[in-house]
Amino acid sequence: MPDTVTTIKVPRSLRERIAARAGRQRMTAAEVIAELLDEAERRARFEAVREAYASTDASYREETEAWDSLADDGLHP
């Protein structure tokens, strides 16, 4: 079943920006909004990963460094 359509209230200037971008990219306004939301959600996921890596403890970093040191062990061409 397809999504139902609804109306959202936005300032006219924002609606015009969305319409202009949609026209340039040959997309619908809904596709532009979905693309922008997808990108914002993607950035948020990457930021969460960066924060998780930044909060690792010393033992994790030591183990990672030990594994990394084996990456150039000459066993693989």
PDB file of N, CA and C in Angstrom:
ATOM      1  N   MET A   1       0.840  -1.175   0.000  1.00  0.00           N
ATOM      2  CA  MET A   1       0.000   0.000   0.000  1.00  0.00           C
ATOM      3  C   MET A   1       0.891   1.247   0.000  1.00  0.00           C
ATOM      4  N   PRO A   2       0.708   2.145  -0.954  1.00  0.00           N
ATOM      5  CA  PRO A   2       1.537   3.342  -1.018  1.00  0.00           C
ATOM      6  C   PRO A   2       1.275   4.273   0.162  1.00  0.00           C
ATOM      7  N   ASP A   3       2.295   5.078   0.447  1.00  0.00           N
ATOM      8  CA  ASP A   3       2.131   6.071   1.504  1.00  0.00           C
ATOM      9  C   ASP A   3       1.029   7.044   1.125  1.00  0.00           C
ATOM     10  N   THR A   4       0.294   7.485   2.146  1.00  0.00           N
ATOM     11  CA  THR A   4      -0.687   8.529   1.892  1.00  0.00           C
ATOM     12  C   THR A   4       0.038   9.868   1.846  1.00  0.00           C
ATOM     13  N   VAL A   5      -0.556  10.821   1.210  1.00  0.00           N
ATOM     14  CA  VAL A   5       0.033  12.142   1.057  1.00  0.00           C
ATOM     15  C   VAL A   5      -0.561  13.067   2.100  1.00  0.00           C
ATOM     16  N   THR A   6       0.278  13.941   2.625  1.00  0.00           N
ATOM     17  CA  THR A   6      -0.185  14.910   3.600  1.00  0.00           C
ATOM     18  C   THR A   6       0.460  16.258   3.307  1.00  0.00           C
ATOM     19  N   THR A   7       0.013  17.262   3.986  1.00  0.00           N
ATOM     20  CA  THR A   7       0.544  18.607   3.817  1.00  0.00           C
ATOM     21  C   THR A   7       1.306  19.003   5.072  1.00  0.00           C
ATOM     22  N   ILE A   8       2.453  19.626   4.876  1.00  0.00           N
ATOM     23  CA  ILE A   8       3.169  20.190   6.012  1.00  0.00           C
ATOM     24  C   ILE A   8       3.288  21.688   5.789  1.00  0.00           C
ATOM     25  N   LYS A   9       3.251  22.425   6.865  1.00  0.00           N
ATOM     26  CA  LYS A   9       3.351  23.885   6.763  1.00  0.00           C
ATOM     27  C   LYS A   9       4.799  24.285   6.956  1.00  0.00           C
ATOM     28  N   VAL A  10       5.323  24.976   5.961  1.00  0.00           N
ATOM     29  CA  VAL A  10       6.682  25.497   6.016  1.00  0.00           C
ATOM     30  C   VAL A  10       6.626  26.940   5.520  1.00  0.00           C
ATOM     31  N   PRO A  11       7.588  27.723   5.921  1.00  0.00           N
ATOM     32  CA  PRO A  11       7.631  29.091   5.389  1.00  0.00           C
ATOM     33  C   PRO A  11       7.753  29.069   3.867  1.00  0.00           C
ATOM     34  N   ARG A  12       7.181  30.059   3.230  1.00  0.00           N
ATOM     35  CA  ARG A  12       7.197  30.125   1.769  1.00  0.00           C
ATOM     36  C   ARG A  12       8.620  30.090   1.230  1.00  0.00           C
ATOM     37  N   SER A  13       9.549  30.782   1.900  1.00  0.00           N
ATOM     38  CA  SER A  13      10.929  30.812   1.415  1.00  0.00           C
ATOM     39  C   SER A  13      11.546  29.414   1.414  1.00  0.00           C
ATOM     40  N   LEU A  14      11.213  28.605   2.413  1.00  0.00           N
ATOM     41  CA  LEU A  14      11.718  27.229   2.454  1.00  0.00           C
ATOM     42  C   LEU A  14      11.085  26.389   1.345  1.00  0.00           C
ATOM     43  N   ARG A  15       9.797  26.549   1.154  1.00  0.00           N
ATOM     44  CA  ARG A  15       9.116  25.828   0.078  1.00  0.00           C
ATOM     45  C   ARG A  15       9.742  26.170  -1.259  1.00  0.00           C
ATOM     46  N   GLU A  16      10.084  27.449  -1.460  1.00  0.00           N
ATOM     47  CA  GLU A  16      10.696  27.861  -2.720  1.00  0.00           C
ATOM     48  C   GLU A  16      12.101  27.274  -2.880  1.00  0.00           C
ATOM     49  N   ARG A  17      12.845  27.201  -1.796  1.00  0.00           N
ATOM     50  CA  ARG A  17      14.171  26.576  -1.852  1.00  0.00           C
ATOM     51  C   ARG A  17      14.055  25.097  -2.231  1.00  0.00           C
ATOM     52  N   ILE A  18      13.111  24.406  -1.610  1.00  0.00           N
ATOM     53  CA  ILE A  18      12.907  22.981  -1.916  1.00  0.00           C
ATOM     54  C   ILE A  18      12.499  22.814  -3.376  1.00  0.00           C
ATOM     55  N   ALA A  19      11.583  23.644  -3.830  1.00  0.00           N
ATOM     56  CA  ALA A  19      11.118  23.554  -5.218  1.00  0.00           C
ATOM     57  C   ALA A  19      12.249  23.848  -6.198  1.00  0.00           C
ATOM     58  N   ALA A  20      13.082  24.834  -5.873  1.00  0.00           N
ATOM     59  CA  ALA A  20      14.198  25.174  -6.767  1.00  0.00           C
ATOM     60  C   ALA A  20      15.181  24.010  -6.850  1.00  0.00           C
ATOM     61  N   ARG A  21      15.498  23.438  -5.710  1.00  0.00           N
ATOM     62  CA  ARG A  21      16.430  22.298  -5.712  1.00  0.00           C
ATOM     63  C   ARG A  21      15.823  21.119  -6.461  1.00  0.00           C
ATOM     64  N   ALA A  22      14.555  20.869  -6.213  1.00  0.00           N
ATOM     65  CA  ALA A  22      13.880  19.768  -6.908  1.00  0.00           C
ATOM     66  C   ALA A  22      13.935  19.978  -8.413  1.00  0.00           C
ATOM     67  N   GLY A  23      13.711  21.189  -8.855  1.00  0.00           N
ATOM     68  CA  GLY A  23      13.763  21.481 -10.286  1.00  0.00           C
ATOM     69  C   GLY A  23      15.151  21.266 -10.872  1.00  0.00           C
ATOM     70  N   ARG A  24      16.167  21.734 -10.142  1.00  0.00           N
ATOM     71  CA  ARG A  24      17.539  21.562 -10.634  1.00  0.00           C
ATOM     72  C   ARG A  24      17.926  20.096 -10.734  1.00  0.00           C
ATOM     73  N   GLN A  25      17.454  19.311  -9.776  1.00  0.00           N
ATOM     74  CA  GLN A  25      17.840  17.901  -9.735  1.00  0.00           C
ATOM     75  C   GLN A  25      16.816  16.990 -10.403  1.00  0.00           C
ATOM     76  N   ARG A  26      15.798  17.575 -10.981  1.00  0.00           N
ATOM     77  CA  ARG A  26      14.728  16.810 -11.636  1.00  0.00           C
ATOM     78  C   ARG A  26      14.141  15.770 -10.674  1.00  0.00           C
ATOM     79  N   MET A  27      13.782  16.250  -9.494  1.00  0.00           N
ATOM     80  CA  MET A  27      13.207  15.412  -8.454  1.00  0.00           C
ATOM     81  C   MET A  27      11.915  16.061  -7.980  1.00  0.00           C
ATOM     82  N   THR A  28      11.142  15.293  -7.248  1.00  0.00           N
ATOM     83  CA  THR A  28       9.981  15.883  -6.592  1.00  0.00           C
ATOM     84  C   THR A  28      10.432  16.515  -5.280  1.00  0.00           C
ATOM     85  N   ALA A  29       9.595  17.370  -4.732  1.00  0.00           N
ATOM     86  CA  ALA A  29       9.900  17.979  -3.435  1.00  0.00           C
ATOM     87  C   ALA A  29      10.051  16.886  -2.377  1.00  0.00           C
ATOM     88  N   ALA A  30       9.202  15.875  -2.432  1.00  0.00           N
ATOM     89  CA  ALA A  30       9.277  14.780  -1.460  1.00  0.00           C
ATOM     90  C   ALA A  30      10.607  14.038  -1.584  1.00  0.00           C
ATOM     91  N   GLU A  31      11.089  13.835  -2.805  1.00  0.00           N
ATOM     92  CA  GLU A  31      12.380  13.160  -2.992  1.00  0.00           C
ATOM     93  C   GLU A  31      13.534  14.001  -2.441  1.00  0.00           C
ATOM     94  N   VAL A  32      13.456  15.310  -2.629  1.00  0.00           N
ATOM     95  CA  VAL A  32      14.491  16.201  -2.088  1.00  0.00           C
ATOM     96  C   VAL A  32      14.506  16.113  -0.569  1.00  0.00           C
ATOM     97  N   ILE A  33      13.343  16.202   0.040  1.00  0.00           N
ATOM     98  CA  ILE A  33      13.262  16.144   1.505  1.00  0.00           C
ATOM     99  C   ILE A  33      13.766  14.796   2.006  1.00  0.00           C
ATOM    100  N   ALA A  34      13.367  13.712   1.363  1.00  0.00           N
ATOM    101  CA  ALA A  34      13.816  12.374   1.778  1.00  0.00           C
ATOM    102  C   ALA A  34      15.330  12.258   1.648  1.00  0.00           C
ATOM    103  N   GLU A  35      15.896  12.780   0.552  1.00  0.00           N
ATOM    104  CA  GLU A  35      17.339  12.723   0.353  1.00  0.00           C
ATOM    105  C   GLU A  35      18.076  13.499   1.445  1.00  0.00           C
ATOM    106  N   LEU A  36      17.576  14.674   1.778  1.00  0.00           N
ATOM    107  CA  LEU A  36      18.204  15.487   2.816  1.00  0.00           C
ATOM    108  C   LEU A  36      18.117  14.812   4.187  1.00  0.00           C
ATOM    109  N   LEU A  37      16.980  14.213   4.491  1.00  0.00           N
ATOM    110  CA  LEU A  37      16.839  13.492   5.759  1.00  0.00           C
ATOM    111  C   LEU A  37      17.754  12.270   5.801  1.00  0.00           C
ATOM    112  N   ASP A  38      17.825  11.546   4.690  1.00  0.00           N
ATOM    113  CA  ASP A  38      18.722  10.380   4.631  1.00  0.00           C
ATOM    114  C   ASP A  38      20.157  10.797   4.924  1.00  0.00           C
ATOM    115  N   GLU A  39      20.589  11.900   4.314  1.00  0.00           N
ATOM    116  CA  GLU A  39      21.954  12.374   4.511  1.00  0.00           C
ATOM    117  C   GLU A  39      22.178  12.820   5.957  1.00  0.00           C
ATOM    118  N   ALA A  40      21.208  13.494   6.550  1.00  0.00           N
ATOM    119  CA  ALA A  40      21.338  13.923   7.950  1.00  0.00           C
ATOM    120  C   ALA A  40      21.417  12.715   8.873  1.00  0.00           C
ATOM    121  N   GLU A  41      20.618  11.696   8.603  1.00  0.00           N
ATOM    122  CA  GLU A  41      20.651  10.482   9.424  1.00  0.00           C
ATOM    123  C   GLU A  41      21.978   9.742   9.245  1.00  0.00           C
ATOM    124  N   ARG A  42      22.506   9.732   8.039  1.00  0.00           N
ATOM    125  CA  ARG A  42      23.802   9.101   7.768  1.00  0.00           C
ATOM    126  C   ARG A  42      24.903   9.813   8.549  1.00  0.00           C
ATOM    127  N   ARG A  43      24.906  11.155   8.497  1.00  0.00           N
ATOM    128  CA  ARG A  43      25.899  11.918   9.253  1.00  0.00           C
ATOM    129  C   ARG A  43      25.786  11.633  10.751  1.00  0.00           C
ATOM    130  N   ALA A  44      24.572  11.516  11.257  1.00  0.00           N
ATOM    131  CA  ALA A  44      24.372  11.227  12.681  1.00  0.00           C
ATOM    132  C   ALA A  44      24.924   9.845  13.045  1.00  0.00           C
ATOM    133  N   ARG A  45      24.718   8.853  12.163  1.00  0.00           N
ATOM    134  CA  ARG A  45      25.268   7.519  12.426  1.00  0.00           C
ATOM    135  C   ARG A  45      26.788   7.547  12.463  1.00  0.00           C
ATOM    136  N   PHE A  46      27.411   8.233  11.500  1.00  0.00           N
ATOM    137  CA  PHE A  46      28.869   8.326  11.489  1.00  0.00           C
ATOM    138  C   PHE A  46      29.383   9.065  12.717  1.00  0.00           C
ATOM    139  N   GLU A  47      28.681  10.097  13.143  1.00  0.00           N
ATOM    140  CA  GLU A  47      29.093  10.821  14.341  1.00  0.00           C
ATOM    141  C   GLU A  47      29.014   9.909  15.564  1.00  0.00           C
ATOM    142  N   ALA A  48      27.985   9.080  15.646  1.00  0.00           N
ATOM    143  CA  ALA A  48      27.857   8.136  16.762  1.00  0.00           C
ATOM    144  C   ALA A  48      29.018   7.145  16.767  1.00  0.00           C
ATOM    145  N   VAL A  49      29.428   6.690  15.583  1.00  0.00           N
ATOM    146  CA  VAL A  49      30.567   5.773  15.490  1.00  0.00           C
ATOM    147  C   VAL A  49      31.836   6.486  15.934  1.00  0.00           C
ATOM    148  N   ARG A  50      32.049   7.732  15.457  1.00  0.00           N
ATOM    149  CA  ARG A  50      33.226   8.496  15.873  1.00  0.00           C
ATOM    150  C   ARG A  50      33.265   8.668  17.390  1.00  0.00           C
ATOM    151  N   GLU A  51      32.126   8.976  17.976  1.00  0.00           N
ATOM    152  CA  GLU A  51      32.065   9.144  19.432  1.00  0.00           C
ATOM    153  C   GLU A  51      32.360   7.824  20.145  1.00  0.00           C
ATOM    154  N   ALA A  52      31.858   6.729  19.609  1.00  0.00           N
ATOM    155  CA  ALA A  52      32.114   5.428  20.230  1.00  0.00           C
ATOM    156  C   ALA A  52      33.601   5.089  20.181  1.00  0.00           C
ATOM    157  N   TYR A  53      34.234   5.328  19.041  1.00  0.00           N
ATOM    158  CA  TYR A  53      35.677   5.065  18.940  1.00  0.00           C
ATOM    159  C   TYR A  53      36.467   5.983  19.864  1.00  0.00           C
ATOM    160  N   ALA A  54      36.031   7.217  19.995  1.00  0.00           N
ATOM    161  CA  ALA A  54      36.744   8.170  20.846  1.00  0.00           C
ATOM    162  C   ALA A  54      36.664   7.791  22.312  1.00  0.00           C
ATOM    163  N   SER A  55      35.638   7.042  22.684  1.00  0.00           N
ATOM    164  CA  SER A  55      35.458   6.709  24.094  1.00  0.00           C
ATOM    165  C   SER A  55      35.980   5.312  24.450  1.00  0.00           C
ATOM    166  N   THR A  56      36.751   4.703  23.557  1.00  0.00           N
ATOM    167  CA  THR A  56      37.288   3.376  23.858  1.00  0.00           C
ATOM    168  C   THR A  56      38.341   3.466  24.958  1.00  0.00           C
ATOM    169  N   ASP A  57      38.487   2.385  25.680  1.00  0.00           N
ATOM    170  CA  ASP A  57      39.474   2.385  26.761  1.00  0.00           C
ATOM    171  C   ASP A  57      40.851   1.969  26.237  1.00  0.00           C
ATOM    172  N   ALA A  58      41.849   2.074  27.087  1.00  0.00           N
ATOM    173  CA  ALA A  58      43.233   1.807  26.687  1.00  0.00           C
ATOM    174  C   ALA A  58      43.424   0.373  26.221  1.00  0.00           C
ATOM    175  N   SER A  59      42.754  -0.587  26.840  1.00  0.00           N
ATOM    176  CA  SER A  59      42.955  -1.984  26.449  1.00  0.00           C
ATOM    177  C   SER A  59      42.487  -2.236  25.021  1.00  0.00           C
ATOM    178  N   TYR A  60      41.408  -1.586  24.619  1.00  0.00           N
ATOM    179  CA  TYR A  60      40.934  -1.729  23.242  1.00  0.00           C
ATOM    180  C   TYR A  60      41.971  -1.166  22.274  1.00  0.00           C
ATOM    181  N   ARG A  61      42.493   0.028  22.584  1.00  0.00           N
ATOM    182  CA  ARG A  61      43.491   0.639  21.708  1.00  0.00           C
ATOM    183  C   ARG A  61      44.758  -0.205  21.638  1.00  0.00           C
ATOM    184  N   GLU A  62      45.183  -0.769  22.764  1.00  0.00           N
ATOM    185  CA  GLU A  62      46.375  -1.615  22.771  1.00  0.00           C
ATOM    186  C   GLU A  62      46.170  -2.857  21.913  1.00  0.00           C
ATOM    187  N   GLU A  63      45.001  -3.490  22.047  1.00  0.00           N
ATOM    188  CA  GLU A  63      44.724  -4.685  21.250  1.00  0.00           C
ATOM    189  C   GLU A  63      44.648  -4.345  19.762  1.00  0.00           C
ATOM    190  N   THR A  64      44.031  -3.236  19.434  1.00  0.00           N
ATOM    191  CA  THR A  64      43.943  -2.820  18.035  1.00  0.00           C
ATOM    192  C   THR A  64      45.329  -2.559  17.461  1.00  0.00           C
ATOM    193  N   GLU A  65      46.175  -1.905  18.236  1.00  0.00           N
ATOM    194  CA  GLU A  65      47.539  -1.642  17.776  1.00  0.00           C
ATOM    195  C   GLU A  65      48.308  -2.950  17.575  1.00  0.00           C
ATOM    196  N   ALA A  66      48.088  -3.914  18.445  1.00  0.00           N
ATOM    197  CA  ALA A  66      48.756  -5.211  18.303  1.00  0.00           C
ATOM    198  C   ALA A  66      48.317  -5.897  17.016  1.00  0.00           C
ATOM    199  N   TRP A  67      47.026  -5.887  16.740  1.00  0.00           N
ATOM    200  CA  TRP A  67      46.533  -6.489  15.498  1.00  0.00           C
ATOM    201  C   TRP A  67      47.059  -5.726  14.288  1.00  0.00           C
ATOM    202  N   ASP A  68      47.082  -4.390  14.372  1.00  0.00           N
ATOM    203  CA  ASP A  68      47.578  -3.583  13.257  1.00  0.00           C
ATOM    204  C   ASP A  68      49.041  -3.878  12.963  1.00  0.00           C
ATOM    205  N   SER A  69      49.813  -4.157  13.993  1.00  0.00           N
ATOM    206  CA  SER A  69      51.231  -4.438  13.783  1.00  0.00           C
ATOM    207  C   SER A  69      51.441  -5.710  12.971  1.00  0.00           C
ATOM    208  N   LEU A  70      50.445  -6.594  12.957  1.00  0.00           N
ATOM    209  CA  LEU A  70      50.552  -7.843  12.200  1.00  0.00           C
ATOM    210  C   LEU A  70      50.116  -7.680  10.742  1.00  0.00           C
ATOM    211  N   ALA A  71      49.554  -6.536  10.408  1.00  0.00           N
ATOM    212  CA  ALA A  71      49.020  -6.326   9.054  1.00  0.00           C
ATOM    213  C   ALA A  71      50.125  -6.372   8.013  1.00  0.00           C
ATOM    214  N   ASP A  72      51.336  -6.052   8.375  1.00  0.00           N
ATOM    215  CA  ASP A  72      52.438  -6.027   7.426  1.00  0.00           C
ATOM    216  C   ASP A  72      53.457  -7.116   7.772  1.00  0.00           C
ATOM    217  N   ASP A  73      52.931  -8.323   8.075  1.00  0.00           N
ATOM    218  CA  ASP A  73      53.828  -9.400   8.507  1.00  0.00           C
ATOM    219  C   ASP A  73      54.435 -10.187   7.361  1.00  0.00           C
ATOM    220  N   GLY A  74      54.091  -9.831   6.113  1.00  0.00           N
ATOM    221  CA  GLY A  74      54.679 -10.500   4.959  1.00  0.00           C
ATOM    222  C   GLY A  74      54.037 -11.830   4.608  1.00  0.00           C
ATOM    223  N   LEU A  75      52.992 -12.224   5.308  1.00  0.00           N
ATOM    224  CA  LEU A  75      52.371 -13.515   5.033  1.00  0.00           C
ATOM    225  C   LEU A  75      51.414 -13.456   3.840  1.00  0.00           C
ATOM    226  N   HIS A  76      50.962 -12.273   3.500  1.00  0.00           N
ATOM    227  CA  HIS A  76      50.034 -12.132   2.366  1.00  0.00           C
ATOM    228  C   HIS A  76      50.694 -11.306   1.284  1.00  0.00           C
ATOM    229  N   PRO A  77      50.461 -11.690   0.018  1.00  0.00           N
ATOM    230  CA  PRO A  77      51.079 -10.951  -1.094  1.00  0.00           C
ATOM    231  C   PRO A  77      50.553  -9.530  -1.180  1.00  0.00           C
TER     232      PRO A  77
END
